[in-house]
Amino acid sequence: MKRYNLLIVLLLLAFNVATAQKNSPAADFSAIGEAKTKIENTVPLVLEHLKVIADKEGDNSIYTNGKTALGKEYAILQSEFWLYNGNMSNCILNNSSKKAKKCMQYHTQYLRNTFINYNNYISYITKKNGYIGVDSDIKKDFTPSEITKKLGDAYYVASEASQRMKGTQRKEFLEQPKSDDYKLRPYTEVAQ
Protein backbone atom coordinates (compact mmCIF):
# COMPACT_ATOMS: atom_id res chain seq x y z
CA MET A 1 0.00 0.00 0.00
CA LYS A 2 2.82 2.42 0.84
CA ARG A 3 4.46 1.83 -2.55
CA TYR A 4 1.31 2.87 -4.37
CA ASN A 5 1.01 6.03 -2.28
CA LEU A 6 4.62 6.90 -3.02
CA LEU A 7 4.06 6.26 -6.73
CA ILE A 8 1.02 8.55 -6.74
CA VAL A 9 2.95 11.29 -4.92
CA LEU A 10 5.83 11.03 -7.40
CA LEU A 11 3.47 11.16 -10.37
CA LEU A 12 1.72 14.22 -8.93
CA LEU A 13 5.08 15.89 -8.32
CA ALA A 14 6.21 15.20 -11.90
CA PHE A 15 2.90 16.53 -13.22
CA ASN A 16 3.19 19.70 -11.12
CA VAL A 17 6.76 20.36 -12.28
CA ALA A 18 5.78 19.91 -15.94
CA THR A 19 2.74 22.16 -15.52
CA ALA A 20 4.78 24.79 -13.67
CA GLN A 21 7.28 24.92 -16.53
CA LYS A 22 4.55 25.38 -19.11
CA ASN A 23 2.74 28.01 -17.08
CA SER A 24 5.81 29.84 -15.80
CA PRO A 25 6.27 33.50 -16.72
CA ALA A 26 9.26 32.45 -18.81
CA ALA A 27 7.05 30.28 -20.98
CA ASP A 28 5.66 33.37 -22.63
CA PHE A 29 7.96 35.84 -24.28
CA SER A 30 5.61 38.80 -23.87
CA ALA A 31 8.52 41.23 -23.43
CA ILE A 32 9.47 40.60 -27.06
CA GLY A 33 5.95 41.47 -28.17
CA GLU A 34 5.97 44.64 -26.07
CA ALA A 35 9.34 45.70 -27.50
CA LYS A 36 8.12 44.98 -31.01
CA THR A 37 5.06 47.16 -30.46
CA LYS A 38 7.10 50.04 -29.02
CA ILE A 39 9.53 49.95 -31.94
CA GLU A 40 6.79 49.81 -34.54
CA ASN A 41 4.89 52.65 -32.85
CA THR A 42 7.83 55.02 -33.27
CA VAL A 43 7.49 55.08 -37.06
CA PRO A 44 3.99 56.57 -37.43
CA LEU A 45 4.72 58.90 -34.52
CA VAL A 46 7.83 60.38 -36.16
CA LEU A 47 6.16 60.52 -39.57
CA GLU A 48 3.17 62.35 -38.08
CA HIS A 49 5.54 64.84 -36.47
CA LEU A 50 7.43 65.37 -39.74
CA LYS A 51 4.15 65.84 -41.61
CA VAL A 52 3.04 68.55 -39.15
CA ILE A 53 6.38 70.35 -39.51
CA ALA A 54 6.33 70.00 -43.32
CA ASP A 55 2.82 71.46 -43.46
CA LYS A 56 3.79 74.31 -41.12
CA GLU A 57 6.92 75.14 -43.18
CA GLY A 58 5.20 74.53 -46.53
CA ASP A 59 8.09 72.25 -47.56
CA ASN A 60 7.07 68.66 -48.34
CA SER A 61 10.73 67.62 -48.75
CA ILE A 62 11.05 67.60 -44.94
CA TYR A 63 8.49 64.80 -44.81
CA THR A 64 9.77 62.94 -47.89
CA ASN A 65 13.45 63.02 -46.91
CA GLY A 66 12.66 62.24 -43.27
CA LYS A 67 10.53 59.27 -44.26
CA THR A 68 13.29 57.85 -46.46
CA ALA A 69 15.97 58.36 -43.82
CA LEU A 70 13.82 56.85 -41.07
CA GLY A 71 13.21 53.82 -43.29
CA LYS A 72 16.94 53.17 -43.52
CA GLU A 73 17.39 53.37 -39.74
CA TYR A 74 14.33 51.19 -39.15
CA ALA A 75 15.73 48.55 -41.52
CA ILE A 76 18.94 48.39 -39.46
CA LEU A 77 16.95 48.02 -36.26
CA GLN A 78 14.63 45.46 -37.84
CA SER A 79 17.47 43.14 -38.84
CA GLU A 80 19.26 43.58 -35.52
CA PHE A 81 16.09 42.81 -33.53
CA TRP A 82 15.54 39.62 -35.52
CA LEU A 83 19.18 38.57 -35.07
CA TYR A 84 18.95 39.32 -31.34
CA ASN A 85 16.05 36.93 -30.82
CA GLY A 86 17.82 34.16 -32.72
CA ASN A 87 21.16 34.77 -31.01
CA MET A 88 19.63 34.76 -27.53
CA SER A 89 17.89 31.45 -28.18
CA ASN A 90 21.12 29.99 -29.54
CA CYS A 91 23.08 31.27 -26.52
CA ILE A 92 20.73 29.40 -24.21
CA LEU A 93 20.50 26.27 -26.35
CA ASN A 94 24.17 25.77 -27.17
CA ASN A 95 25.98 26.79 -23.98
CA SER A 96 26.27 25.99 -20.32
CA SER A 97 24.41 28.40 -18.06
CA LYS A 98 27.55 30.42 -17.26
CA LYS A 99 28.57 30.82 -20.92
CA ALA A 100 24.96 31.46 -21.89
CA LYS A 101 24.76 34.34 -19.43
CA LYS A 102 27.88 36.02 -20.88
CA CYS A 103 26.63 35.43 -24.41
CA MET A 104 23.23 36.94 -23.56
CA GLN A 105 24.83 39.95 -21.87
CA TYR A 106 26.88 40.63 -25.00
CA HIS A 107 23.91 40.45 -27.36
CA THR A 108 21.68 42.49 -25.04
CA GLN A 109 24.32 45.23 -24.85
CA TYR A 110 24.69 45.20 -28.64
CA LEU A 111 20.92 45.51 -29.10
CA ARG A 112 20.80 48.30 -26.50
CA ASN A 113 23.43 50.21 -28.49
CA THR A 114 21.39 49.72 -31.67
CA PHE A 115 18.28 51.00 -29.86
CA ILE A 116 20.23 54.01 -28.59
CA ASN A 117 21.43 54.79 -32.13
CA TYR A 118 17.85 54.55 -33.42
CA ASN A 119 16.55 56.73 -30.59
CA ASN A 120 19.32 59.30 -31.19
CA TYR A 121 18.48 59.32 -34.88
CA ILE A 122 14.82 59.98 -34.09
CA SER A 123 15.89 62.81 -31.79
CA TYR A 124 18.19 64.22 -34.48
CA ILE A 125 15.64 64.07 -37.28
CA THR A 126 12.92 65.60 -35.14
CA LYS A 127 15.20 68.19 -33.48
CA LYS A 128 16.28 69.35 -36.88
CA ASN A 129 12.62 69.92 -37.72
CA GLY A 130 11.20 70.99 -34.33
CA TYR A 131 11.41 68.84 -31.21
CA ILE A 132 9.00 65.93 -30.99
CA GLY A 133 6.59 66.25 -28.10
CA VAL A 134 7.54 69.83 -27.24
CA ASP A 135 5.37 71.87 -29.59
CA SER A 136 2.58 69.29 -29.80
CA ASP A 137 0.99 66.54 -27.76
CA ILE A 138 2.89 63.81 -29.62
CA LYS A 139 4.79 61.69 -27.10
CA LYS A 140 7.32 58.96 -27.83
CA ASP A 141 7.28 55.78 -25.72
CA PHE A 142 10.71 54.38 -26.58
CA THR A 143 13.35 54.02 -23.87
CA PRO A 144 16.24 51.80 -25.01
CA SER A 145 17.49 50.89 -21.53
CA GLU A 146 14.02 49.97 -20.27
CA ILE A 147 13.21 47.84 -23.32
CA THR A 148 16.52 45.96 -23.33
CA LYS A 149 16.31 45.37 -19.57
CA LYS A 150 12.89 43.74 -19.98
CA LEU A 151 14.11 41.68 -22.94
CA GLY A 152 17.27 40.60 -21.11
CA ASP A 153 15.31 39.65 -18.00
CA ALA A 154 12.85 37.62 -20.06
CA TYR A 155 15.68 35.68 -21.67
CA TYR A 156 17.48 35.12 -18.34
CA VAL A 157 14.30 33.65 -16.87
CA ALA A 158 13.81 31.61 -20.05
CA SER A 159 17.37 30.31 -19.71
CA GLU A 160 16.71 29.14 -16.16
CA ALA A 161 13.41 27.55 -17.16
CA SER A 162 14.95 25.80 -20.15
CA GLN A 163 17.67 24.26 -17.96
CA ARG A 164 14.91 22.18 -16.35
CA MET A 165 13.57 21.02 -19.71
CA LYS A 166 14.75 18.06 -21.70
CA GLY A 167 15.36 17.40 -25.39
CA THR A 168 12.70 18.50 -27.83
CA GLN A 169 10.67 20.37 -25.20
CA ARG A 170 13.64 22.67 -24.60
CA LYS A 171 14.27 23.19 -28.30
CA GLU A 172 10.58 23.91 -29.02
CA PHE A 173 10.48 26.35 -26.11
CA LEU A 174 13.50 28.26 -27.41
CA GLU A 175 12.14 28.33 -30.97
CA GLN A 176 9.21 30.51 -29.82
CA PRO A 177 11.12 33.84 -30.06
CA LYS A 178 12.17 32.96 -33.61
CA SER A 179 8.55 32.81 -34.82
CA ASP A 180 7.20 35.33 -37.30
CA ASP A 181 4.97 36.78 -34.56
CA TYR A 182 8.05 38.45 -33.09
CA LYS A 183 9.44 39.84 -36.35
CA LEU A 184 9.14 43.56 -36.85
CA ARG A 185 6.75 44.43 -39.65
CA PRO A 186 8.28 45.84 -42.84
CA TYR A 187 8.79 49.59 -42.90
CA THR A 188 6.43 50.10 -45.84
CA GLU A 189 3.64 48.47 -43.83
CA VAL A 190 4.37 50.37 -40.59
CA ALA A 191 4.81 53.72 -42.35
CA GLN A 192 1.26 53.82 -43.72
C-alpha atoms as a PDB file:
ATOM      1  CA  MET A   1       0.000   0.000   0.000  1.00  0.00           C
ATOM      2  CA  LYS A   2       2.823   2.415   0.836  1.00  0.00           C
ATOM      3  CA  ARG A   3       4.460   1.827  -2.549  1.00  0.00           C
ATOM      4  CA  TYR A   4       1.305   2.875  -4.368  1.00  0.00           C
ATOM      5  CA  ASN A   5       1.008   6.031  -2.280  1.00  0.00           C
ATOM      6  CA  LEU A   6       4.622   6.900  -3.023  1.00  0.00           C
ATOM      7  CA  LEU A   7       4.060   6.260  -6.726  1.00  0.00           C
ATOM      8  CA  ILE A   8       1.021   8.551  -6.739  1.00  0.00           C
ATOM      9  CA  VAL A   9       2.948  11.285  -4.923  1.00  0.00           C
ATOM     10  CA  LEU A  10       5.834  11.028  -7.398  1.00  0.00           C
ATOM     11  CA  LEU A  11       3.467  11.162 -10.371  1.00  0.00           C
ATOM     12  CA  LEU A  12       1.725  14.221  -8.931  1.00  0.00           C
ATOM     13  CA  LEU A  13       5.078  15.885  -8.321  1.00  0.00           C
ATOM     14  CA  ALA A  14       6.207  15.200 -11.897  1.00  0.00           C
ATOM     15  CA  PHE A  15       2.895  16.532 -13.225  1.00  0.00           C
ATOM     16  CA  ASN A  16       3.186  19.698 -11.120  1.00  0.00           C
ATOM     17  CA  VAL A  17       6.758  20.363 -12.284  1.00  0.00           C
ATOM     18  CA  ALA A  18       5.780  19.909 -15.938  1.00  0.00           C
ATOM     19  CA  THR A  19       2.745  22.158 -15.516  1.00  0.00           C
ATOM     20  CA  ALA A  20       4.779  24.789 -13.668  1.00  0.00           C
ATOM     21  CA  GLN A  21       7.277  24.924 -16.530  1.00  0.00           C
ATOM     22  CA  LYS A  22       4.555  25.384 -19.114  1.00  0.00           C
ATOM     23  CA  ASN A  23       2.741  28.012 -17.080  1.00  0.00           C
ATOM     24  CA  SER A  24       5.810  29.837 -15.798  1.00  0.00           C
ATOM     25  CA  PRO A  25       6.266  33.501 -16.724  1.00  0.00           C
ATOM     26  CA  ALA A  26       9.259  32.449 -18.809  1.00  0.00           C
ATOM     27  CA  ALA A  27       7.051  30.282 -20.981  1.00  0.00           C
ATOM     28  CA  ASP A  28       5.659  33.369 -22.634  1.00  0.00           C
ATOM     29  CA  PHE A  29       7.955  35.836 -24.278  1.00  0.00           C
ATOM     30  CA  SER A  30       5.609  38.798 -23.875  1.00  0.00           C
ATOM     31  CA  ALA A  31       8.517  41.227 -23.428  1.00  0.00           C
ATOM     32  CA  ILE A  32       9.466  40.598 -27.058  1.00  0.00           C
ATOM     33  CA  GLY A  33       5.947  41.473 -28.168  1.00  0.00           C
ATOM     34  CA  GLU A  34       5.974  44.645 -26.069  1.00  0.00           C
ATOM     35  CA  ALA A  35       9.344  45.697 -27.499  1.00  0.00           C
ATOM     36  CA  LYS A  36       8.124  44.975 -31.012  1.00  0.00           C
ATOM     37  CA  THR A  37       5.060  47.160 -30.462  1.00  0.00           C
ATOM     38  CA  LYS A  38       7.102  50.043 -29.021  1.00  0.00           C
ATOM     39  CA  ILE A  39       9.534  49.950 -31.941  1.00  0.00           C
ATOM     40  CA  GLU A  40       6.788  49.811 -34.543  1.00  0.00           C
ATOM     41  CA  ASN A  41       4.886  52.647 -32.852  1.00  0.00           C
ATOM     42  CA  THR A  42       7.832  55.017 -33.274  1.00  0.00           C
ATOM     43  CA  VAL A  43       7.491  55.083 -37.061  1.00  0.00           C
ATOM     44  CA  PRO A  44       3.991  56.568 -37.430  1.00  0.00           C
ATOM     45  CA  LEU A  45       4.724  58.901 -34.522  1.00  0.00           C
ATOM     46  CA  VAL A  46       7.826  60.377 -36.163  1.00  0.00           C
ATOM     47  CA  LEU A  47       6.163  60.525 -39.572  1.00  0.00           C
ATOM     48  CA  GLU A  48       3.169  62.345 -38.082  1.00  0.00           C
ATOM     49  CA  HIS A  49       5.540  64.841 -36.473  1.00  0.00           C
ATOM     50  CA  LEU A  50       7.431  65.367 -39.736  1.00  0.00           C
ATOM     51  CA  LYS A  51       4.147  65.839 -41.607  1.00  0.00           C
ATOM     52  CA  VAL A  52       3.039  68.548 -39.150  1.00  0.00           C
ATOM     53  CA  ILE A  53       6.377  70.352 -39.509  1.00  0.00           C
ATOM     54  CA  ALA A  54       6.327  69.996 -43.318  1.00  0.00           C
ATOM     55  CA  ASP A  55       2.816  71.462 -43.455  1.00  0.00           C
ATOM     56  CA  LYS A  56       3.793  74.308 -41.121  1.00  0.00           C
ATOM     57  CA  GLU A  57       6.915  75.138 -43.180  1.00  0.00           C
ATOM     58  CA  GLY A  58       5.205  74.526 -46.526  1.00  0.00           C
ATOM     59  CA  ASP A  59       8.087  72.249 -47.559  1.00  0.00           C
ATOM     60  CA  ASN A  60       7.074  68.660 -48.336  1.00  0.00           C
ATOM     61  CA  SER A  61      10.727  67.616 -48.750  1.00  0.00           C
ATOM     62  CA  ILE A  62      11.049  67.603 -44.939  1.00  0.00           C
ATOM     63  CA  TYR A  63       8.494  64.797 -44.808  1.00  0.00           C
ATOM     64  CA  THR A  64       9.772  62.945 -47.887  1.00  0.00           C
ATOM     65  CA  ASN A  65      13.451  63.022 -46.910  1.00  0.00           C
ATOM     66  CA  GLY A  66      12.665  62.238 -43.273  1.00  0.00           C
ATOM     67  CA  LYS A  67      10.526  59.266 -44.257  1.00  0.00           C
ATOM     68  CA  THR A  68      13.286  57.852 -46.464  1.00  0.00           C
ATOM     69  CA  ALA A  69      15.966  58.363 -43.819  1.00  0.00           C
ATOM     70  CA  LEU A  70      13.818  56.850 -41.070  1.00  0.00           C
ATOM     71  CA  GLY A  71      13.206  53.825 -43.287  1.00  0.00           C
ATOM     72  CA  LYS A  72      16.944  53.168 -43.517  1.00  0.00           C
ATOM     73  CA  GLU A  73      17.390  53.365 -39.745  1.00  0.00           C
ATOM     74  CA  TYR A  74      14.327  51.195 -39.146  1.00  0.00           C
ATOM     75  CA  ALA A  75      15.730  48.546 -41.517  1.00  0.00           C
ATOM     76  CA  ILE A  76      18.940  48.386 -39.462  1.00  0.00           C
ATOM     77  CA  LEU A  77      16.948  48.024 -36.259  1.00  0.00           C
ATOM     78  CA  GLN A  78      14.630  45.462 -37.844  1.00  0.00           C
ATOM     79  CA  SER A  79      17.466  43.139 -38.844  1.00  0.00           C
ATOM     80  CA  GLU A  80      19.261  43.577 -35.519  1.00  0.00           C
ATOM     81  CA  PHE A  81      16.086  42.811 -33.533  1.00  0.00           C
ATOM     82  CA  TRP A  82      15.539  39.617 -35.524  1.00  0.00           C
ATOM     83  CA  LEU A  83      19.176  38.571 -35.066  1.00  0.00           C
ATOM     84  CA  TYR A  84      18.954  39.317 -31.341  1.00  0.00           C
ATOM     85  CA  ASN A  85      16.051  36.927 -30.824  1.00  0.00           C
ATOM     86  CA  GLY A  86      17.822  34.163 -32.722  1.00  0.00           C
ATOM     87  CA  ASN A  87      21.159  34.772 -31.011  1.00  0.00           C
ATOM     88  CA  MET A  88      19.632  34.760 -27.531  1.00  0.00           C
ATOM     89  CA  SER A  89      17.892  31.449 -28.181  1.00  0.00           C
ATOM     90  CA  ASN A  90      21.121  29.987 -29.537  1.00  0.00           C
ATOM     91  CA  CYS A  91      23.079  31.268 -26.519  1.00  0.00           C
ATOM     92  CA  ILE A  92      20.733  29.396 -24.211  1.00  0.00           C
ATOM     93  CA  LEU A  93      20.500  26.272 -26.350  1.00  0.00           C
ATOM     94  CA  ASN A  94      24.168  25.766 -27.169  1.00  0.00           C
ATOM     95  CA  ASN A  95      25.977  26.789 -23.984  1.00  0.00           C
ATOM     96  CA  SER A  96      26.271  25.990 -20.321  1.00  0.00           C
ATOM     97  CA  SER A  97      24.406  28.399 -18.055  1.00  0.00           C
ATOM     98  CA  LYS A  98      27.553  30.425 -17.259  1.00  0.00           C
ATOM     99  CA  LYS A  99      28.568  30.817 -20.916  1.00  0.00           C
ATOM    100  CA  ALA A 100      24.956  31.458 -21.894  1.00  0.00           C
ATOM    101  CA  LYS A 101      24.755  34.342 -19.427  1.00  0.00           C
ATOM    102  CA  LYS A 102      27.876  36.015 -20.885  1.00  0.00           C
ATOM    103  CA  CYS A 103      26.625  35.429 -24.412  1.00  0.00           C
ATOM    104  CA  MET A 104      23.230  36.936 -23.561  1.00  0.00           C
ATOM    105  CA  GLN A 105      24.832  39.953 -21.870  1.00  0.00           C
ATOM    106  CA  TYR A 106      26.884  40.628 -24.997  1.00  0.00           C
ATOM    107  CA  HIS A 107      23.910  40.447 -27.365  1.00  0.00           C
ATOM    108  CA  THR A 108      21.684  42.486 -25.044  1.00  0.00           C
ATOM    109  CA  GLN A 109      24.323  45.235 -24.855  1.00  0.00           C
ATOM    110  CA  TYR A 110      24.685  45.204 -28.637  1.00  0.00           C
ATOM    111  CA  LEU A 111      20.915  45.513 -29.097  1.00  0.00           C
ATOM    112  CA  ARG A 112      20.803  48.298 -26.504  1.00  0.00           C
ATOM    113  CA  ASN A 113      23.429  50.215 -28.488  1.00  0.00           C
ATOM    114  CA  THR A 114      21.390  49.724 -31.668  1.00  0.00           C
ATOM    115  CA  PHE A 115      18.280  51.004 -29.860  1.00  0.00           C
ATOM    116  CA  ILE A 116      20.230  54.014 -28.594  1.00  0.00           C
ATOM    117  CA  ASN A 117      21.433  54.790 -32.128  1.00  0.00           C
ATOM    118  CA  TYR A 118      17.852  54.549 -33.418  1.00  0.00           C
ATOM    119  CA  ASN A 119      16.550  56.735 -30.586  1.00  0.00           C
ATOM    120  CA  ASN A 120      19.316  59.297 -31.187  1.00  0.00           C
ATOM    121  CA  TYR A 121      18.482  59.324 -34.875  1.00  0.00           C
ATOM    122  CA  ILE A 122      14.815  59.982 -34.090  1.00  0.00           C
ATOM    123  CA  SER A 123      15.892  62.813 -31.789  1.00  0.00           C
ATOM    124  CA  TYR A 124      18.187  64.221 -34.479  1.00  0.00           C
ATOM    125  CA  ILE A 125      15.644  64.070 -37.281  1.00  0.00           C
ATOM    126  CA  THR A 126      12.918  65.604 -35.135  1.00  0.00           C
ATOM    127  CA  LYS A 127      15.201  68.186 -33.480  1.00  0.00           C
ATOM    128  CA  LYS A 128      16.281  69.353 -36.883  1.00  0.00           C
ATOM    129  CA  ASN A 129      12.621  69.922 -37.717  1.00  0.00           C
ATOM    130  CA  GLY A 130      11.199  70.986 -34.334  1.00  0.00           C
ATOM    131  CA  TYR A 131      11.411  68.844 -31.208  1.00  0.00           C
ATOM    132  CA  ILE A 132       8.995  65.931 -30.990  1.00  0.00           C
ATOM    133  CA  GLY A 133       6.589  66.246 -28.098  1.00  0.00           C
ATOM    134  CA  VAL A 134       7.543  69.835 -27.244  1.00  0.00           C
ATOM    135  CA  ASP A 135       5.366  71.867 -29.591  1.00  0.00           C
ATOM    136  CA  SER A 136       2.582  69.289 -29.804  1.00  0.00           C
ATOM    137  CA  ASP A 137       0.990  66.545 -27.762  1.00  0.00           C
ATOM    138  CA  ILE A 138       2.891  63.811 -29.619  1.00  0.00           C
ATOM    139  CA  LYS A 139       4.792  61.689 -27.095  1.00  0.00           C
ATOM    140  CA  LYS A 140       7.323  58.962 -27.833  1.00  0.00           C
ATOM    141  CA  ASP A 141       7.281  55.785 -25.718  1.00  0.00           C
ATOM    142  CA  PHE A 142      10.707  54.382 -26.579  1.00  0.00           C
ATOM    143  CA  THR A 143      13.346  54.019 -23.868  1.00  0.00           C
ATOM    144  CA  PRO A 144      16.243  51.802 -25.008  1.00  0.00           C
ATOM    145  CA  SER A 145      17.494  50.893 -21.526  1.00  0.00           C
ATOM    146  CA  GLU A 146      14.021  49.970 -20.274  1.00  0.00           C
ATOM    147  CA  ILE A 147      13.207  47.842 -23.325  1.00  0.00           C
ATOM    148  CA  THR A 148      16.517  45.963 -23.326  1.00  0.00           C
ATOM    149  CA  LYS A 149      16.307  45.368 -19.569  1.00  0.00           C
ATOM    150  CA  LYS A 150      12.894  43.736 -19.979  1.00  0.00           C
ATOM    151  CA  LEU A 151      14.113  41.683 -22.936  1.00  0.00           C
ATOM    152  CA  GLY A 152      17.266  40.603 -21.111  1.00  0.00           C
ATOM    153  CA  ASP A 153      15.309  39.654 -17.996  1.00  0.00           C
ATOM    154  CA  ALA A 154      12.847  37.618 -20.061  1.00  0.00           C
ATOM    155  CA  TYR A 155      15.677  35.683 -21.668  1.00  0.00           C
ATOM    156  CA  TYR A 156      17.481  35.120 -18.344  1.00  0.00           C
ATOM    157  CA  VAL A 157      14.302  33.654 -16.873  1.00  0.00           C
ATOM    158  CA  ALA A 158      13.814  31.614 -20.050  1.00  0.00           C
ATOM    159  CA  SER A 159      17.365  30.310 -19.706  1.00  0.00           C
ATOM    160  CA  GLU A 160      16.714  29.142 -16.164  1.00  0.00           C
ATOM    161  CA  ALA A 161      13.408  27.553 -17.160  1.00  0.00           C
ATOM    162  CA  SER A 162      14.951  25.803 -20.153  1.00  0.00           C
ATOM    163  CA  GLN A 163      17.665  24.257 -17.964  1.00  0.00           C
ATOM    164  CA  ARG A 164      14.915  22.177 -16.353  1.00  0.00           C
ATOM    165  CA  MET A 165      13.566  21.024 -19.713  1.00  0.00           C
ATOM    166  CA  LYS A 166      14.748  18.057 -21.696  1.00  0.00           C
ATOM    167  CA  GLY A 167      15.363  17.395 -25.389  1.00  0.00           C
ATOM    168  CA  THR A 168      12.701  18.496 -27.830  1.00  0.00           C
ATOM    169  CA  GLN A 169      10.673  20.371 -25.204  1.00  0.00           C
ATOM    170  CA  ARG A 170      13.642  22.669 -24.597  1.00  0.00           C
ATOM    171  CA  LYS A 171      14.265  23.189 -28.300  1.00  0.00           C
ATOM    172  CA  GLU A 172      10.581  23.914 -29.017  1.00  0.00           C
ATOM    173  CA  PHE A 173      10.481  26.350 -26.106  1.00  0.00           C
ATOM    174  CA  LEU A 174      13.500  28.264 -27.409  1.00  0.00           C
ATOM    175  CA  GLU A 175      12.142  28.325 -30.968  1.00  0.00           C
ATOM    176  CA  GLN A 176       9.215  30.514 -29.825  1.00  0.00           C
ATOM    177  CA  PRO A 177      11.116  33.836 -30.063  1.00  0.00           C
ATOM    178  CA  LYS A 178      12.167  32.959 -33.610  1.00  0.00           C
ATOM    179  CA  SER A 179       8.554  32.807 -34.820  1.00  0.00           C
ATOM    180  CA  ASP A 180       7.196  35.330 -37.304  1.00  0.00           C
ATOM    181  CA  ASP A 181       4.973  36.775 -34.561  1.00  0.00           C
ATOM    182  CA  TYR A 182       8.047  38.450 -33.085  1.00  0.00           C
ATOM    183  CA  LYS A 183       9.441  39.837 -36.347  1.00  0.00           C
ATOM    184  CA  LEU A 184       9.137  43.564 -36.854  1.00  0.00           C
ATOM    185  CA  ARG A 185       6.745  44.433 -39.650  1.00  0.00           C
ATOM    186  CA  PRO A 186       8.282  45.836 -42.842  1.00  0.00           C
ATOM    187  CA  TYR A 187       8.794  49.591 -42.902  1.00  0.00           C
ATOM    188  CA  THR A 188       6.432  50.098 -45.839  1.00  0.00           C
ATOM    189  CA  GLU A 189       3.641  48.474 -43.826  1.00  0.00           C
ATOM    190  CA  VAL A 190       4.373  50.366 -40.594  1.00  0.00           C
ATOM    191  CA  ALA A 191       4.811  53.718 -42.346  1.00  0.00           C
ATOM    192  CA  GLN A 192       1.259  53.820 -43.716  1.00  0.00           C
END
